[in-house]
Amino acid sequence: MNIDPELARTLNGAFLLVMLMLCIGLVVAMSSKTSAYARADRFSMRVRLPYGSTTTRDSVARRSRVSSLTTAVTMLATTVILSPLLLTPVAANPAFPIIVVIPLLVATGFASAVVNVRERLFRPAPDALRVARARALSAVDYLDRFRLVLPWVLAAAAVLAFTALALQWVRQPSRVDDAFAAAALFALVVTVVVFVALPPVERLVLAQPQPATDTLELAWDDAFRTTALSALRLSAALSAWLSCALALGALWLGADGLFSTFASQVPTWGLIALTFIYPSTGRRLRADLYPEWLRRPAAVGGPA
């Protein structure tokens, strides 16, 4: 990918400035309690769970505000931390936006897990009645096998793609796009870190207590736990996908293949697709996680 280094540095500086402004605006927006209730209501509809009481709605809105604000602050802090890269040769890399986005997305995914570990959705009184699951749940109880396996499949593809890239670089360095190769190497390092951290962090999320006084509160806690686990898997899938796509892009662009513009856009398209597979705004739970009275429709003419 041939582009004037000074032009690339200017464009990348503008990109980082826009990112900083967006993150600041996001922090301000997520601080609003009114918007927290709106997000909670949308989350309720997506996960198909009623509140049952105003107290539950207040708890869900509070948790939504904490989670959203933590994500926004994490994005802002990560962007600020990465800003000094503009003073390094990396700033002249046309793939600089992707280099910035990778740790940004990974950090927000793990921030969601931190919120799930530290925050309790409900705080029953010490002498209040508690309900609990009959058995300890695992990740497969919250995410289907496709979403659980996909990050590992993408990781395997990334290893193969990077192996091919390394072999080509040894044989014919001139046939490798340096900008995409550097970004691919960075993405691979991040991917290794994410996949090493994923199992223990996931276990930590699953090990947290779920204080609840009824099955509806327990289902609400499961909804937020599902979102946290989904965010972790999204971080792993995104880092692995970008490693794979950037490595293949370095080979394709270095070989001056057809549709080079298309090859440079593939990483972004895959990123967008993965956010639909692992939505952060809530998704329907597995049937057995809902209270029995929500799983079983009321008989027509019978008691509700």
C-alpha atoms as a PDB file:
ATOM      1  CA  MET A   1       0.000   0.000   0.000  1.00  0.00           C
ATOM      2  CA  ASN A   2       1.857   3.079  -1.273  1.00  0.00           C
ATOM      3  CA  ILE A   3       1.026   6.392   0.393  1.00  0.00           C
ATOM      4  CA  ASP A   4       3.108   9.439   1.241  1.00  0.00           C
ATOM      5  CA  PRO A   5       4.374   9.062   4.850  1.00  0.00           C
ATOM      6  CA  GLU A   6       3.599  12.681   5.763  1.00  0.00           C
ATOM      7  CA  LEU A   7       0.091  12.419   4.343  1.00  0.00           C
ATOM      8  CA  ALA A   8      -0.425   9.172   6.256  1.00  0.00           C
ATOM      9  CA  ARG A   9       0.813  10.812   9.463  1.00  0.00           C
ATOM     10  CA  THR A  10      -1.592  13.727   8.981  1.00  0.00           C
ATOM     11  CA  LEU A  11      -4.575  11.483   8.258  1.00  0.00           C
ATOM     12  CA  ASN A  12      -3.773   9.248  11.216  1.00  0.00           C
ATOM     13  CA  GLY A  13      -3.462  12.274  13.498  1.00  0.00           C
ATOM     14  CA  ALA A  14      -6.868  13.467  12.327  1.00  0.00           C
ATOM     15  CA  PHE A  15      -8.290   9.978  12.930  1.00  0.00           C
ATOM     16  CA  LEU A  16      -6.976   9.910  16.495  1.00  0.00           C
ATOM     17  CA  LEU A  17      -8.332  13.409  17.169  1.00  0.00           C
ATOM     18  CA  VAL A  18     -11.772  12.375  15.944  1.00  0.00           C
ATOM     19  CA  MET A  19     -11.590   9.255  18.127  1.00  0.00           C
ATOM     20  CA  LEU A  20     -10.757  11.376  21.174  1.00  0.00           C
ATOM     21  CA  MET A  21     -13.679  13.720  20.503  1.00  0.00           C
ATOM     22  CA  LEU A  22     -16.077  10.808  20.004  1.00  0.00           C
ATOM     23  CA  CYS A  23     -14.916   9.139  23.226  1.00  0.00           C
ATOM     24  CA  ILE A  24     -15.348  12.342  25.219  1.00  0.00           C
ATOM     25  CA  GLY A  25     -18.846  12.764  23.793  1.00  0.00           C
ATOM     26  CA  LEU A  26     -19.616   9.142  24.632  1.00  0.00           C
ATOM     27  CA  VAL A  27     -18.498   9.595  28.242  1.00  0.00           C
ATOM     28  CA  VAL A  28     -20.783  12.623  28.599  1.00  0.00           C
ATOM     29  CA  ALA A  29     -23.724  10.818  27.000  1.00  0.00           C
ATOM     30  CA  MET A  30     -23.307   7.673  29.108  1.00  0.00           C
ATOM     31  CA  SER A  31     -23.217   9.726  32.310  1.00  0.00           C
ATOM     32  CA  SER A  32     -26.868  10.678  31.951  1.00  0.00           C
ATOM     33  CA  LYS A  33     -29.282   8.801  34.210  1.00  0.00           C
ATOM     34  CA  THR A  34     -32.125   9.480  31.770  1.00  0.00           C
ATOM     35  CA  SER A  35     -30.281   7.749  28.929  1.00  0.00           C
ATOM     36  CA  ALA A  36     -29.503   4.851  31.302  1.00  0.00           C
ATOM     37  CA  TYR A  37     -33.217   4.167  31.745  1.00  0.00           C
ATOM     38  CA  ALA A  38     -33.723   4.308  27.972  1.00  0.00           C
ATOM     39  CA  ARG A  39     -30.900   1.813  27.428  1.00  0.00           C
ATOM     40  CA  ALA A  40     -32.296  -0.415  30.171  1.00  0.00           C
ATOM     41  CA  ASP A  41     -35.716  -0.446  28.496  1.00  0.00           C
ATOM     42  CA  ARG A  42     -34.189  -1.375  25.131  1.00  0.00           C
ATOM     43  CA  PHE A  43     -32.126  -4.080  26.824  1.00  0.00           C
ATOM     44  CA  SER A  44     -35.289  -5.426  28.478  1.00  0.00           C
ATOM     45  CA  MET A  45     -36.982  -5.770  25.101  1.00  0.00           C
ATOM     46  CA  ARG A  46     -33.976  -7.446  23.477  1.00  0.00           C
ATOM     47  CA  VAL A  47     -33.517 -10.043  26.210  1.00  0.00           C
ATOM     48  CA  ARG A  48     -37.310 -10.413  26.547  1.00  0.00           C
ATOM     49  CA  LEU A  49     -37.409  -9.977  30.294  1.00  0.00           C
ATOM     50  CA  PRO A  50     -40.009  -7.905  32.178  1.00  0.00           C
ATOM     51  CA  TYR A  51     -38.913  -5.790  35.135  1.00  0.00           C
ATOM     52  CA  GLY A  52     -41.568  -6.993  37.528  1.00  0.00           C
ATOM     53  CA  SER A  53     -41.112  -3.949  39.754  1.00  0.00           C
ATOM     54  CA  THR A  54     -39.786  -0.384  39.696  1.00  0.00           C
ATOM     55  CA  THR A  55     -36.990  -1.501  42.016  1.00  0.00           C
ATOM     56  CA  THR A  56     -35.770  -3.966  39.394  1.00  0.00           C
ATOM     57  CA  ARG A  57     -35.959  -1.292  36.694  1.00  0.00           C
ATOM     58  CA  ASP A  58     -33.885   1.040  38.871  1.00  0.00           C
ATOM     59  CA  SER A  59     -31.297  -1.718  39.439  1.00  0.00           C
ATOM     60  CA  VAL A  60     -31.077  -2.556  35.733  1.00  0.00           C
ATOM     61  CA  ALA A  61     -30.766   1.124  34.799  1.00  0.00           C
ATOM     62  CA  ARG A  62     -28.026   1.623  37.399  1.00  0.00           C
ATOM     63  CA  ARG A  63     -26.135  -1.402  36.107  1.00  0.00           C
ATOM     64  CA  SER A  64     -26.598  -0.244  32.507  1.00  0.00           C
ATOM     65  CA  ARG A  65     -25.192   3.178  33.397  1.00  0.00           C
ATOM     66  CA  VAL A  66     -22.174   1.711  35.191  1.00  0.00           C
ATOM     67  CA  SER A  67     -21.449  -0.692  32.333  1.00  0.00           C
ATOM     68  CA  SER A  68     -21.849   1.905  29.575  1.00  0.00           C
ATOM     69  CA  LEU A  69     -19.846   4.536  31.438  1.00  0.00           C
ATOM     70  CA  THR A  70     -17.051   2.063  32.163  1.00  0.00           C
ATOM     71  CA  THR A  71     -16.887   1.132  28.487  1.00  0.00           C
ATOM     72  CA  ALA A  72     -16.804   4.790  27.418  1.00  0.00           C
ATOM     73  CA  VAL A  73     -14.095   5.707  29.952  1.00  0.00           C
ATOM     74  CA  THR A  74     -12.068   2.651  28.892  1.00  0.00           C
ATOM     75  CA  MET A  75     -12.277   3.733  25.259  1.00  0.00           C
ATOM     76  CA  LEU A  76     -11.174   7.264  26.158  1.00  0.00           C
ATOM     77  CA  ALA A  77      -8.305   6.080  28.367  1.00  0.00           C
ATOM     78  CA  THR A  78      -7.080   3.597  25.749  1.00  0.00           C
ATOM     79  CA  THR A  79      -7.170   6.264  23.041  1.00  0.00           C
ATOM     80  CA  VAL A  80      -5.199   8.688  25.230  1.00  0.00           C
ATOM     81  CA  ILE A  81      -2.645   5.991  26.058  1.00  0.00           C
ATOM     82  CA  LEU A  82      -2.190   5.239  22.347  1.00  0.00           C
ATOM     83  CA  SER A  83      -1.845   8.908  21.367  1.00  0.00           C
ATOM     84  CA  PRO A  84       1.974   8.984  21.768  1.00  0.00           C
ATOM     85  CA  LEU A  85       2.157   6.569  18.834  1.00  0.00           C
ATOM     86  CA  LEU A  86       1.789   9.683  16.657  1.00  0.00           C
ATOM     87  CA  LEU A  87       5.357  10.566  17.651  1.00  0.00           C
ATOM     88  CA  THR A  88       6.717   7.240  16.396  1.00  0.00           C
ATOM     89  CA  PRO A  89       7.242   5.774  12.902  1.00  0.00           C
ATOM     90  CA  VAL A  90       3.984   3.836  13.407  1.00  0.00           C
ATOM     91  CA  ALA A  91       2.109   7.092  12.706  1.00  0.00           C
ATOM     92  CA  ALA A  92       3.182   6.874   9.044  1.00  0.00           C
ATOM     93  CA  ASN A  93       1.666   3.399   8.670  1.00  0.00           C
ATOM     94  CA  PRO A  94      -1.535   3.451   6.551  1.00  0.00           C
ATOM     95  CA  ALA A  95      -2.866   0.670   8.799  1.00  0.00           C
ATOM     96  CA  PHE A  96      -2.542   2.915  11.874  1.00  0.00           C
ATOM     97  CA  PRO A  97      -6.344   3.104  12.457  1.00  0.00           C
ATOM     98  CA  ILE A  98      -6.522  -0.688  12.708  1.00  0.00           C
ATOM     99  CA  ILE A  99      -3.529  -0.738  15.072  1.00  0.00           C
ATOM    100  CA  VAL A 100      -5.432   1.676  17.333  1.00  0.00           C
ATOM    101  CA  VAL A 101      -8.783  -0.089  17.059  1.00  0.00           C
ATOM    102  CA  ILE A 102      -7.455  -3.532  18.081  1.00  0.00           C
ATOM    103  CA  PRO A 103      -6.479  -2.675  21.701  1.00  0.00           C
ATOM    104  CA  LEU A 104      -9.492  -0.360  21.926  1.00  0.00           C
ATOM    105  CA  LEU A 105     -11.948  -3.165  21.222  1.00  0.00           C
ATOM    106  CA  VAL A 106     -10.109  -5.685  23.368  1.00  0.00           C
ATOM    107  CA  ALA A 107      -9.989  -3.285  26.328  1.00  0.00           C
ATOM    108  CA  THR A 108     -13.726  -2.589  26.175  1.00  0.00           C
ATOM    109  CA  GLY A 109     -14.485  -6.314  26.062  1.00  0.00           C
ATOM    110  CA  PHE A 110     -12.498  -6.996  29.198  1.00  0.00           C
ATOM    111  CA  ALA A 111     -13.939  -3.886  30.868  1.00  0.00           C
ATOM    112  CA  SER A 112     -17.372  -5.501  30.567  1.00  0.00           C
ATOM    113  CA  ALA A 113     -16.061  -8.540  32.431  1.00  0.00           C
ATOM    114  CA  VAL A 114     -14.589  -6.342  35.172  1.00  0.00           C
ATOM    115  CA  VAL A 115     -17.969  -4.671  35.696  1.00  0.00           C
ATOM    116  CA  ASN A 116     -19.634  -8.077  35.948  1.00  0.00           C
ATOM    117  CA  VAL A 117     -17.128  -9.183  38.571  1.00  0.00           C
ATOM    118  CA  ARG A 118     -17.285  -6.022  40.690  1.00  0.00           C
ATOM    119  CA  GLU A 119     -20.948  -4.987  40.402  1.00  0.00           C
ATOM    120  CA  ARG A 120     -23.922  -6.820  41.859  1.00  0.00           C
ATOM    121  CA  LEU A 121     -27.217  -6.262  40.084  1.00  0.00           C
ATOM    122  CA  PHE A 122     -29.328  -6.945  43.187  1.00  0.00           C
ATOM    123  CA  ARG A 123     -28.491  -6.560  46.871  1.00  0.00           C
ATOM    124  CA  PRO A 124     -30.995  -8.590  48.914  1.00  0.00           C
ATOM    125  CA  ALA A 125     -31.189  -7.988  52.639  1.00  0.00           C
ATOM    126  CA  PRO A 126     -29.107 -10.465  54.688  1.00  0.00           C
ATOM    127  CA  ASP A 127     -32.244 -12.221  55.947  1.00  0.00           C
ATOM    128  CA  ALA A 128     -34.089 -12.172  52.600  1.00  0.00           C
ATOM    129  CA  LEU A 129     -35.036 -15.377  50.788  1.00  0.00           C
ATOM    130  CA  ARG A 130     -32.487 -16.375  48.103  1.00  0.00           C
ATOM    131  CA  VAL A 131     -32.826 -18.489  44.981  1.00  0.00           C
ATOM    132  CA  ALA A 132     -30.024 -20.191  43.063  1.00  0.00           C
ATOM    133  CA  ARG A 133     -29.413 -22.571  40.192  1.00  0.00           C
ATOM    134  CA  ALA A 134     -29.421 -26.275  41.022  1.00  0.00           C
ATOM    135  CA  ARG A 135     -25.989 -26.608  39.390  1.00  0.00           C
ATOM    136  CA  ALA A 136     -23.039 -24.432  38.522  1.00  0.00           C
ATOM    137  CA  LEU A 137     -23.357 -23.013  35.012  1.00  0.00           C
ATOM    138  CA  SER A 138     -20.615 -22.865  32.407  1.00  0.00           C
ATOM    139  CA  ALA A 139     -20.089 -20.678  29.356  1.00  0.00           C
ATOM    140  CA  VAL A 140     -22.002 -23.117  27.153  1.00  0.00           C
ATOM    141  CA  ASP A 141     -25.112 -22.416  29.226  1.00  0.00           C
ATOM    142  CA  TYR A 142     -24.971 -18.776  28.176  1.00  0.00           C
ATOM    143  CA  LEU A 143     -23.532 -18.842  24.655  1.00  0.00           C
ATOM    144  CA  ASP A 144     -24.256 -21.400  21.964  1.00  0.00           C
ATOM    145  CA  ARG A 145     -21.431 -23.601  20.729  1.00  0.00           C
ATOM    146  CA  PHE A 146     -20.983 -21.607  17.521  1.00  0.00           C
ATOM    147  CA  ARG A 147     -20.183 -18.435  19.464  1.00  0.00           C
ATOM    148  CA  LEU A 148     -17.930 -20.360  21.813  1.00  0.00           C
ATOM    149  CA  VAL A 149     -15.943 -22.098  19.071  1.00  0.00           C
ATOM    150  CA  LEU A 150     -15.737 -19.264  16.518  1.00  0.00           C
ATOM    151  CA  PRO A 151     -12.861 -17.365  18.221  1.00  0.00           C
ATOM    152  CA  TRP A 152     -10.736 -20.520  18.297  1.00  0.00           C
ATOM    153  CA  VAL A 153     -11.465 -21.232  14.630  1.00  0.00           C
ATOM    154  CA  LEU A 154     -10.420 -17.686  13.749  1.00  0.00           C
ATOM    155  CA  ALA A 155      -7.306 -18.077  15.899  1.00  0.00           C
ATOM    156  CA  ALA A 156      -6.340 -21.223  13.973  1.00  0.00           C
ATOM    157  CA  ALA A 157      -6.898 -19.372  10.696  1.00  0.00           C
ATOM    158  CA  ALA A 158      -4.734 -16.504  11.968  1.00  0.00           C
ATOM    159  CA  VAL A 159      -1.875 -18.879  12.789  1.00  0.00           C
ATOM    160  CA  LEU A 160      -2.040 -20.401   9.299  1.00  0.00           C
ATOM    161  CA  ALA A 161      -2.223 -16.987   7.621  1.00  0.00           C
ATOM    162  CA  PHE A 162       0.692 -15.622   9.645  1.00  0.00           C
ATOM    163  CA  THR A 163       2.743 -18.737   8.911  1.00  0.00           C
ATOM    164  CA  ALA A 164       2.181 -18.184   5.196  1.00  0.00           C
ATOM    165  CA  LEU A 165       3.114 -14.519   5.641  1.00  0.00           C
ATOM    166  CA  ALA A 166       6.341 -15.405   7.478  1.00  0.00           C
ATOM    167  CA  LEU A 167       7.351 -17.922   4.821  1.00  0.00           C
ATOM    168  CA  GLN A 168       6.703 -15.426   2.029  1.00  0.00           C
ATOM    169  CA  TRP A 169       8.671 -12.734   3.874  1.00  0.00           C
ATOM    170  CA  VAL A 170      11.666 -15.103   4.185  1.00  0.00           C
ATOM    171  CA  ARG A 171      11.464 -16.119   0.519  1.00  0.00           C
ATOM    172  CA  GLN A 172      10.489 -12.827  -1.159  1.00  0.00           C
ATOM    173  CA  PRO A 173      10.265  -9.814   1.189  1.00  0.00           C
ATOM    174  CA  SER A 174       9.395  -7.571  -1.757  1.00  0.00           C
ATOM    175  CA  ARG A 175       6.144  -9.526  -2.205  1.00  0.00           C
ATOM    176  CA  VAL A 176       4.888  -8.546   1.251  1.00  0.00           C
ATOM    177  CA  ASP A 177       3.143  -5.276   2.056  1.00  0.00           C
ATOM    178  CA  ASP A 178       5.145  -3.849   4.967  1.00  0.00           C
ATOM    179  CA  ALA A 179       2.340  -1.731   6.436  1.00  0.00           C
ATOM    180  CA  PHE A 180      -0.148  -4.583   6.676  1.00  0.00           C
ATOM    181  CA  ALA A 181       2.569  -7.016   7.806  1.00  0.00           C
ATOM    182  CA  ALA A 182       3.515  -4.755  10.741  1.00  0.00           C
ATOM    183  CA  ALA A 183      -0.152  -4.387  11.689  1.00  0.00           C
ATOM    184  CA  ALA A 184      -0.621  -8.162  11.413  1.00  0.00           C
ATOM    185  CA  LEU A 185       2.320  -8.778  13.750  1.00  0.00           C
ATOM    186  CA  PHE A 186       0.905  -6.361  16.306  1.00  0.00           C
ATOM    187  CA  ALA A 187      -2.533  -7.972  16.019  1.00  0.00           C
ATOM    188  CA  LEU A 188      -1.022 -11.425  16.498  1.00  0.00           C
ATOM    189  CA  VAL A 189       0.715 -10.348  19.720  1.00  0.00           C
ATOM    190  CA  VAL A 190      -2.564  -8.912  21.045  1.00  0.00           C
ATOM    191  CA  THR A 191      -4.370 -12.102  20.033  1.00  0.00           C
ATOM    192  CA  VAL A 192      -1.953 -14.284  21.988  1.00  0.00           C
ATOM    193  CA  VAL A 193      -2.422 -12.108  25.094  1.00  0.00           C
ATOM    194  CA  VAL A 194      -6.219 -12.184  24.753  1.00  0.00           C
ATOM    195  CA  PHE A 195      -6.430 -15.959  24.326  1.00  0.00           C
ATOM    196  CA  VAL A 196      -4.132 -16.545  27.304  1.00  0.00           C
ATOM    197  CA  ALA A 197      -6.272 -14.253  29.473  1.00  0.00           C
ATOM    198  CA  LEU A 198      -9.663 -15.464  28.195  1.00  0.00           C
ATOM    199  CA  PRO A 199     -10.091 -18.758  30.169  1.00  0.00           C
ATOM    200  CA  PRO A 200      -9.194 -17.408  33.647  1.00  0.00           C
ATOM    201  CA  VAL A 201     -11.225 -14.214  33.188  1.00  0.00           C
ATOM    202  CA  GLU A 202     -14.197 -16.225  31.953  1.00  0.00           C
ATOM    203  CA  ARG A 203     -13.944 -18.522  34.974  1.00  0.00           C
ATOM    204  CA  LEU A 204     -13.829 -15.470  37.230  1.00  0.00           C
ATOM    205  CA  VAL A 205     -17.057 -14.120  35.713  1.00  0.00           C
ATOM    206  CA  LEU A 206     -18.794 -17.491  36.117  1.00  0.00           C
ATOM    207  CA  ALA A 207     -17.598 -17.844  39.709  1.00  0.00           C
ATOM    208  CA  GLN A 208     -19.257 -14.639  40.905  1.00  0.00           C
ATOM    209  CA  PRO A 209     -22.288 -15.014  43.200  1.00  0.00           C
ATOM    210  CA  GLN A 210     -25.746 -14.154  41.868  1.00  0.00           C
ATOM    211  CA  PRO A 211     -27.734 -12.721  44.794  1.00  0.00           C
ATOM    212  CA  ALA A 212     -31.420 -12.867  43.842  1.00  0.00           C
ATOM    213  CA  THR A 213     -34.696 -13.229  45.729  1.00  0.00           C
ATOM    214  CA  ASP A 214     -36.695 -14.772  42.872  1.00  0.00           C
ATOM    215  CA  THR A 215     -36.231 -16.449  39.510  1.00  0.00           C
ATOM    216  CA  LEU A 216     -36.859 -13.212  37.589  1.00  0.00           C
ATOM    217  CA  GLU A 217     -33.984 -11.455  39.341  1.00  0.00           C
ATOM    218  CA  LEU A 218     -31.806 -14.484  38.673  1.00  0.00           C
ATOM    219  CA  ALA A 219     -32.696 -14.327  34.976  1.00  0.00           C
ATOM    220  CA  TRP A 220     -31.790 -10.638  34.891  1.00  0.00           C
ATOM    221  CA  ASP A 221     -28.407 -11.407  36.404  1.00  0.00           C
ATOM    222  CA  ASP A 222     -27.951 -14.155  33.803  1.00  0.00           C
ATOM    223  CA  ALA A 223     -28.714 -11.606  31.070  1.00  0.00           C
ATOM    224  CA  PHE A 224     -25.870  -9.348  32.178  1.00  0.00           C
ATOM    225  CA  ARG A 225     -23.559 -12.326  32.658  1.00  0.00           C
ATOM    226  CA  THR A 226     -24.350 -13.416  29.084  1.00  0.00           C
ATOM    227  CA  THR A 227     -23.454  -9.937  27.840  1.00  0.00           C
ATOM    228  CA  ALA A 228     -20.128 -10.001  29.694  1.00  0.00           C
ATOM    229  CA  LEU A 229     -19.194 -13.439  28.351  1.00  0.00           C
ATOM    230  CA  SER A 230     -20.224 -12.362  24.853  1.00  0.00           C
ATOM    231  CA  ALA A 231     -17.979  -9.282  25.119  1.00  0.00           C
ATOM    232  CA  LEU A 232     -15.029 -11.471  26.094  1.00  0.00           C
ATOM    233  CA  ARG A 233     -15.571 -13.818  23.170  1.00  0.00           C
ATOM    234  CA  LEU A 234     -15.988 -10.810  20.870  1.00  0.00           C
ATOM    235  CA  SER A 235     -12.594  -9.476  21.973  1.00  0.00           C
ATOM    236  CA  ALA A 236     -10.991 -12.826  21.179  1.00  0.00           C
ATOM    237  CA  ALA A 237     -12.786 -13.201  17.851  1.00  0.00           C
ATOM    238  CA  LEU A 238     -11.957  -9.655  16.744  1.00  0.00           C
ATOM    239  CA  SER A 239      -8.262  -9.885  17.558  1.00  0.00           C
ATOM    240  CA  ALA A 240      -7.974 -13.284  15.832  1.00  0.00           C
ATOM    241  CA  TRP A 241      -9.926 -12.103  12.785  1.00  0.00           C
ATOM    242  CA  LEU A 242      -7.820  -8.967  12.365  1.00  0.00           C
ATOM    243  CA  SER A 243      -4.611 -11.007  12.699  1.00  0.00           C
ATOM    244  CA  CYS A 244      -5.800 -13.322   9.943  1.00  0.00           C
ATOM    245  CA  ALA A 245      -7.197 -10.615   7.653  1.00  0.00           C
ATOM    246  CA  LEU A 246      -4.149  -8.361   7.986  1.00  0.00           C
ATOM    247  CA  ALA A 247      -1.728 -11.226   7.292  1.00  0.00           C
ATOM    248  CA  LEU A 248      -3.658 -12.230   4.183  1.00  0.00           C
ATOM    249  CA  GLY A 249      -3.922  -8.568   3.193  1.00  0.00           C
ATOM    250  CA  ALA A 250      -0.156  -8.183   3.443  1.00  0.00           C
ATOM    251  CA  LEU A 251       0.265 -11.108   1.043  1.00  0.00           C
ATOM    252  CA  TRP A 252      -2.446  -9.919  -1.347  1.00  0.00           C
ATOM    253  CA  LEU A 253      -1.311  -6.303  -1.505  1.00  0.00           C
ATOM    254  CA  GLY A 254       2.341  -7.317  -1.721  1.00  0.00           C
ATOM    255  CA  ALA A 255       1.565  -9.483  -4.711  1.00  0.00           C
ATOM    256  CA  ASP A 256      -0.315  -6.609  -6.417  1.00  0.00           C
ATOM    257  CA  GLY A 257      -3.371  -8.846  -6.696  1.00  0.00           C
ATOM    258  CA  LEU A 258      -6.631  -7.796  -8.247  1.00  0.00           C
ATOM    259  CA  PHE A 259      -9.133  -5.876  -6.144  1.00  0.00           C
ATOM    260  CA  SER A 260      -6.452  -4.506  -3.806  1.00  0.00           C
ATOM    261  CA  THR A 261      -8.902  -1.920  -2.454  1.00  0.00           C
ATOM    262  CA  PHE A 262     -11.272  -4.729  -1.548  1.00  0.00           C
ATOM    263  CA  ALA A 263      -8.476  -6.580   0.277  1.00  0.00           C
ATOM    264  CA  SER A 264      -7.721  -3.503   2.400  1.00  0.00           C
ATOM    265  CA  GLN A 265     -11.392  -3.243   3.432  1.00  0.00           C
ATOM    266  CA  VAL A 266     -11.911  -6.893   4.390  1.00  0.00           C
ATOM    267  CA  PRO A 267     -10.671  -6.443   7.997  1.00  0.00           C
ATOM    268  CA  THR A 268     -13.286  -3.750   8.635  1.00  0.00           C
ATOM    269  CA  TRP A 269     -16.118  -5.772   7.092  1.00  0.00           C
ATOM    270  CA  GLY A 270     -15.277  -8.783   9.220  1.00  0.00           C
ATOM    271  CA  LEU A 271     -15.160  -6.569  12.301  1.00  0.00           C
ATOM    272  CA  ILE A 272     -18.678  -5.301  11.593  1.00  0.00           C
ATOM    273  CA  ALA A 273     -19.978  -8.836  11.009  1.00  0.00           C
ATOM    274  CA  LEU A 274     -18.591 -10.033  14.351  1.00  0.00           C
ATOM    275  CA  THR A 275     -20.375  -7.256  16.266  1.00  0.00           C
ATOM    276  CA  PHE A 276     -23.655  -8.698  14.978  1.00  0.00           C
ATOM    277  CA  ILE A 277     -22.672 -12.218  16.041  1.00  0.00           C
ATOM    278  CA  TYR A 278     -21.747 -10.984  19.525  1.00  0.00           C
ATOM    279  CA  PRO A 279     -24.157  -8.093  20.200  1.00  0.00           C
ATOM    280  CA  SER A 280     -23.355  -5.869  23.169  1.00  0.00           C
ATOM    281  CA  THR A 281     -26.898  -4.545  23.521  1.00  0.00           C
ATOM    282  CA  GLY A 282     -28.486  -7.797  24.683  1.00  0.00           C
ATOM    283  CA  ARG A 283     -29.884 -10.910  23.066  1.00  0.00           C
ATOM    284  CA  ARG A 284     -32.454 -13.533  23.975  1.00  0.00           C
ATOM    285  CA  LEU A 285     -31.326 -15.993  26.640  1.00  0.00           C
ATOM    286  CA  ARG A 286     -31.413 -19.747  26.418  1.00  0.00           C
ATOM    287  CA  ALA A 287     -34.891 -21.037  27.252  1.00  0.00           C
ATOM    288  CA  ASP A 288     -33.861 -22.764  30.475  1.00  0.00           C
ATOM    289  CA  LEU A 289     -32.489 -19.496  31.908  1.00  0.00           C
ATOM    290  CA  TYR A 290     -35.916 -17.863  31.919  1.00  0.00           C
ATOM    291  CA  PRO A 291     -38.309 -18.279  34.867  1.00  0.00           C
ATOM    292  CA  GLU A 292     -40.679 -21.182  34.289  1.00  0.00           C
ATOM    293  CA  TRP A 293     -43.676 -18.858  34.111  1.00  0.00           C
ATOM    294  CA  LEU A 294     -42.050 -17.036  31.173  1.00  0.00           C
ATOM    295  CA  ARG A 295     -41.131 -20.252  29.358  1.00  0.00           C
ATOM    296  CA  ARG A 296     -44.647 -21.701  29.615  1.00  0.00           C
ATOM    297  CA  PRO A 297     -47.439 -19.673  27.958  1.00  0.00           C
ATOM    298  CA  ALA A 298     -50.636 -19.262  29.928  1.00  0.00           C
ATOM    299  CA  ALA A 299     -53.582 -21.406  28.752  1.00  0.00           C
ATOM    300  CA  VAL A 300     -56.386 -19.536  26.999  1.00  0.00           C
ATOM    301  CA  GLY A 301     -59.206 -19.000  29.474  1.00  0.00           C
ATOM    302  CA  GLY A 302     -57.085 -20.280  32.356  1.00  0.00           C
ATOM    303  CA  PRO A 303     -55.242 -18.440  35.103  1.00  0.00           C
ATOM    304  CA  ALA A 304     -52.515 -16.086  33.942  1.00  0.00           C
END
